[in-house]
């Protein structure tokens, strides 16, 4: 029972030490241009505070996730507002460089133009972005960068530490069972 207790305590300690670093939230900002687009409008999403040079912005208001690229923590990308979305405030979740940044977008009424911007027609637009149809669930990966989506350094170190603890526990258990025979 002592090795089991040692294994559990070591696992809990390793998780407590490394988990906060692996799940740190980003402290960046998200902005959308135009500030209050109407349904069917094209928008530009800008993000500051990212550690990487690429990312993705997702929202229920978007036709498809916006693929973000840039340098030095400033990323930008384009997408379109769904033509069927109701006016209101929607969350925008950005994943970049291992960070998660959240912002908001305000969708205005159809045909409402911002000062200096053309009015958006109120007719429903047909889809112009990838549609999640077929592909065995891979359509999402066609619009999102997957190269940096593996485990981070903290998660890798935690996994190695837990694997080492498990190996020691199995070795001690095997040694104890050889003594009792």
Protein backbone atom coordinates (compact mmCIF):
# COMPACT_ATOMS: atom_id res chain seq x y z
CA UNK A 1 0.00 0.00 0.00
CA UNK A 2 2.98 2.32 0.55
CA UNK A 3 4.06 2.38 -3.12
CA UNK A 4 0.50 3.11 -4.25
CA UNK A 5 0.33 6.03 -1.83
CA UNK A 6 3.74 7.26 -3.03
CA UNK A 7 2.62 7.02 -6.67
CA UNK A 8 -0.60 8.94 -6.04
CA UNK A 9 1.09 11.66 -3.99
CA UNK A 10 3.82 12.13 -6.59
CA UNK A 11 1.25 12.29 -9.41
CA UNK A 12 -0.82 14.90 -7.56
CA UNK A 13 2.28 16.95 -6.76
CA UNK A 14 3.50 16.87 -10.38
CA UNK A 15 0.05 17.88 -11.64
CA UNK A 16 -0.16 20.76 -9.17
CA UNK A 17 3.28 22.06 -10.14
CA UNK A 18 3.02 21.84 -13.92
CA UNK A 19 -0.71 22.26 -14.68
CA UNK A 20 -0.96 26.05 -14.10
CA UNK A 21 1.85 26.72 -16.60
CA UNK A 22 0.32 24.46 -19.22
CA UNK A 23 -3.12 26.07 -19.06
CA UNK A 24 -2.23 29.74 -18.70
CA UNK A 25 -4.74 32.00 -20.40
CA UNK A 26 -3.61 34.67 -22.82
CA UNK A 27 -3.82 38.33 -21.92
CA UNK A 28 -4.29 39.75 -25.40
CA UNK A 29 -7.05 41.66 -27.12
CA UNK A 30 -9.38 40.92 -30.03
CA UNK A 31 -10.76 43.56 -32.41
CA UNK A 32 -13.04 43.22 -35.43
CA UNK A 33 -13.31 45.62 -38.39
CA UNK A 34 -15.94 46.89 -39.10
CA UNK A 35 -16.91 47.30 -35.45
CA UNK A 36 -20.58 46.35 -35.92
CA UNK A 37 -20.96 44.36 -39.16
CA UNK A 38 -24.27 43.20 -40.54
CA UNK A 39 -25.12 39.62 -41.57
CA UNK A 40 -23.21 38.57 -44.70
CA UNK A 41 -20.43 41.15 -44.16
CA UNK A 42 -16.74 40.41 -44.58
CA UNK A 43 -14.75 41.20 -41.43
CA UNK A 44 -11.09 41.42 -40.44
CA UNK A 45 -10.15 39.96 -37.05
CA UNK A 46 -7.04 41.38 -35.36
CA UNK A 47 -5.46 39.89 -32.24
CA UNK A 48 -2.63 41.20 -30.09
CA UNK A 49 -0.78 39.33 -27.37
CA UNK A 50 -0.23 35.99 -29.15
CA UNK A 51 3.02 34.10 -28.70
CA UNK A 52 3.00 32.44 -32.12
CA UNK A 53 2.86 33.53 -35.75
CA UNK A 54 -0.44 31.82 -36.56
CA UNK A 55 -3.76 31.01 -34.93
CA UNK A 56 -7.50 30.70 -35.46
CA UNK A 57 -10.51 32.77 -34.40
CA UNK A 58 -13.87 31.03 -33.98
CA UNK A 59 -17.34 32.41 -33.30
CA UNK A 60 -20.94 31.30 -33.78
CA UNK A 61 -21.37 34.47 -35.87
CA UNK A 62 -18.68 33.43 -38.41
CA UNK A 63 -19.32 31.33 -41.53
CA UNK A 64 -15.92 29.67 -40.94
CA UNK A 65 -13.05 30.06 -38.49
CA UNK A 66 -10.69 32.91 -39.39
CA UNK A 67 -7.14 31.73 -40.03
CA UNK A 68 -4.83 34.26 -38.39
CA UNK A 69 -1.24 34.99 -39.40
CA UNK A 70 1.30 37.65 -38.47
CA UNK A 71 4.42 38.30 -36.42
CA UNK A 72 5.52 39.62 -33.04
CA UNK A 73 2.26 38.80 -31.27
CA UNK A 74 -0.01 40.67 -33.73
CA UNK A 75 -2.15 38.40 -35.91
CA UNK A 76 -4.89 39.16 -38.44
CA UNK A 77 -7.26 37.21 -40.66
CA UNK A 78 -10.52 37.52 -42.56
CA UNK A 79 -13.86 35.76 -42.40
CA UNK A 80 -17.52 36.45 -43.10
CA UNK A 81 -20.50 36.92 -40.80
CA UNK A 82 -23.25 34.33 -41.34
CA UNK A 83 -26.11 35.72 -43.40
CA UNK A 84 -28.60 34.02 -41.08
CA UNK A 85 -27.16 35.32 -37.78
CA UNK A 86 -29.41 37.47 -35.58
CA UNK A 87 -28.20 40.90 -34.44
CA UNK A 88 -26.49 40.76 -31.05
CA UNK A 89 -23.21 40.19 -29.22
CA UNK A 90 -21.21 37.02 -29.91
CA UNK A 91 -18.05 35.64 -28.28
CA UNK A 92 -14.89 35.22 -30.37
CA UNK A 93 -12.40 32.58 -29.16
CA UNK A 94 -8.84 32.86 -30.45
CA UNK A 95 -6.27 30.06 -30.18
CA UNK A 96 -2.69 31.12 -30.85
CA UNK A 97 0.73 30.14 -29.57
CA UNK A 98 -0.76 27.92 -26.87
CA UNK A 99 -2.87 30.78 -25.51
CA UNK A 100 -6.64 31.24 -25.50
CA UNK A 101 -7.86 34.82 -25.92
CA UNK A 102 -11.55 35.76 -25.81
CA UNK A 103 -13.19 38.81 -27.35
CA UNK A 104 -16.65 39.90 -28.52
CA UNK A 105 -18.25 40.99 -31.77
CA UNK A 106 -21.46 42.98 -32.10
CA UNK A 107 -23.50 42.07 -35.16
CA UNK A 108 -25.81 44.85 -36.31
CA UNK A 109 -29.06 44.65 -38.23
CA UNK A 110 -29.03 43.66 -41.91
CA UNK A 111 -28.50 46.64 -44.17
CA UNK A 112 -27.25 48.90 -41.36
CA UNK A 113 -24.12 50.67 -42.53
CA UNK A 114 -21.40 52.14 -40.38
CA UNK A 115 -20.36 55.72 -41.13
CA UNK A 116 -18.17 55.65 -44.26
CA UNK A 117 -19.09 52.04 -45.13
CA UNK A 118 -21.42 50.75 -47.84
CA UNK A 119 -24.75 49.25 -46.79
CA UNK A 120 -24.98 45.45 -46.75
CA UNK A 121 -27.83 44.07 -48.89
CA UNK A 122 -30.56 42.37 -46.86
CA UNK A 123 -30.88 39.41 -49.26
CA UNK A 124 -29.53 36.15 -47.89
CA UNK A 125 -26.11 35.27 -49.28
CA UNK A 126 -25.15 31.80 -50.38
CA UNK A 127 -22.25 30.07 -48.62
CA UNK A 128 -18.82 31.22 -49.77
CA UNK A 129 -16.67 29.39 -47.24
CA UNK A 130 -15.97 25.74 -46.51
CA UNK A 131 -19.07 23.86 -45.41
CA UNK A 132 -18.76 21.04 -42.86
CA UNK A 133 -20.05 18.34 -45.19
CA UNK A 134 -18.40 14.95 -45.58
CA UNK A 135 -14.70 14.44 -45.17
CA UNK A 136 -15.14 12.31 -42.07
CA UNK A 137 -14.94 15.28 -39.75
CA UNK A 138 -11.77 16.71 -41.31
CA UNK A 139 -13.38 19.84 -42.77
CA UNK A 140 -12.48 21.77 -39.60
CA UNK A 141 -8.76 21.02 -40.08
CA UNK A 142 -8.80 22.50 -43.59
CA UNK A 143 -9.35 25.96 -42.09
CA UNK A 144 -7.32 25.70 -38.87
CA UNK A 145 -3.55 25.48 -38.54
CA UNK A 146 -2.79 22.18 -36.84
CA UNK A 147 1.01 22.33 -36.78
CA UNK A 148 1.20 23.77 -33.25
CA UNK A 149 -1.68 21.88 -31.69
CA UNK A 150 0.30 19.17 -29.86
CA UNK A 151 1.13 19.08 -26.17
CA UNK A 152 3.15 21.96 -24.78
CA UNK A 153 6.38 21.76 -22.81
CA UNK A 154 4.61 21.67 -19.44
CA UNK A 155 2.33 18.85 -20.53
CA UNK A 156 5.27 16.86 -21.93
CA UNK A 157 7.29 17.25 -18.72
CA UNK A 158 4.26 16.25 -16.63
CA UNK A 159 3.70 13.15 -18.77
CA UNK A 160 7.36 12.13 -18.51
CA UNK A 161 7.37 12.68 -14.74
CA UNK A 162 4.23 10.59 -14.28
CA UNK A 163 5.60 7.85 -16.54
CA UNK A 164 8.82 7.79 -14.48
CA UNK A 165 6.89 7.58 -11.22
CA UNK A 166 4.78 4.75 -12.63
CA UNK A 167 7.90 2.87 -13.74
CA UNK A 168 9.46 3.21 -10.27
CA UNK A 169 6.22 2.05 -8.63
CA UNK A 170 6.04 -1.03 -10.88
CA UNK A 171 9.68 -1.82 -10.15
CA UNK A 172 9.18 -1.52 -6.40
CA UNK A 173 6.05 -3.66 -6.57
CA UNK A 174 7.88 -6.35 -8.55
CA UNK A 175 10.78 -6.28 -6.06
CA UNK A 176 8.40 -6.63 -3.12
CA UNK A 177 6.60 -9.59 -4.72
CA UNK A 178 9.96 -11.37 -5.33
CA UNK A 179 10.82 -11.01 -1.63
CA UNK A 180 7.57 -12.58 -0.45
CA UNK A 181 7.99 -15.74 -2.59
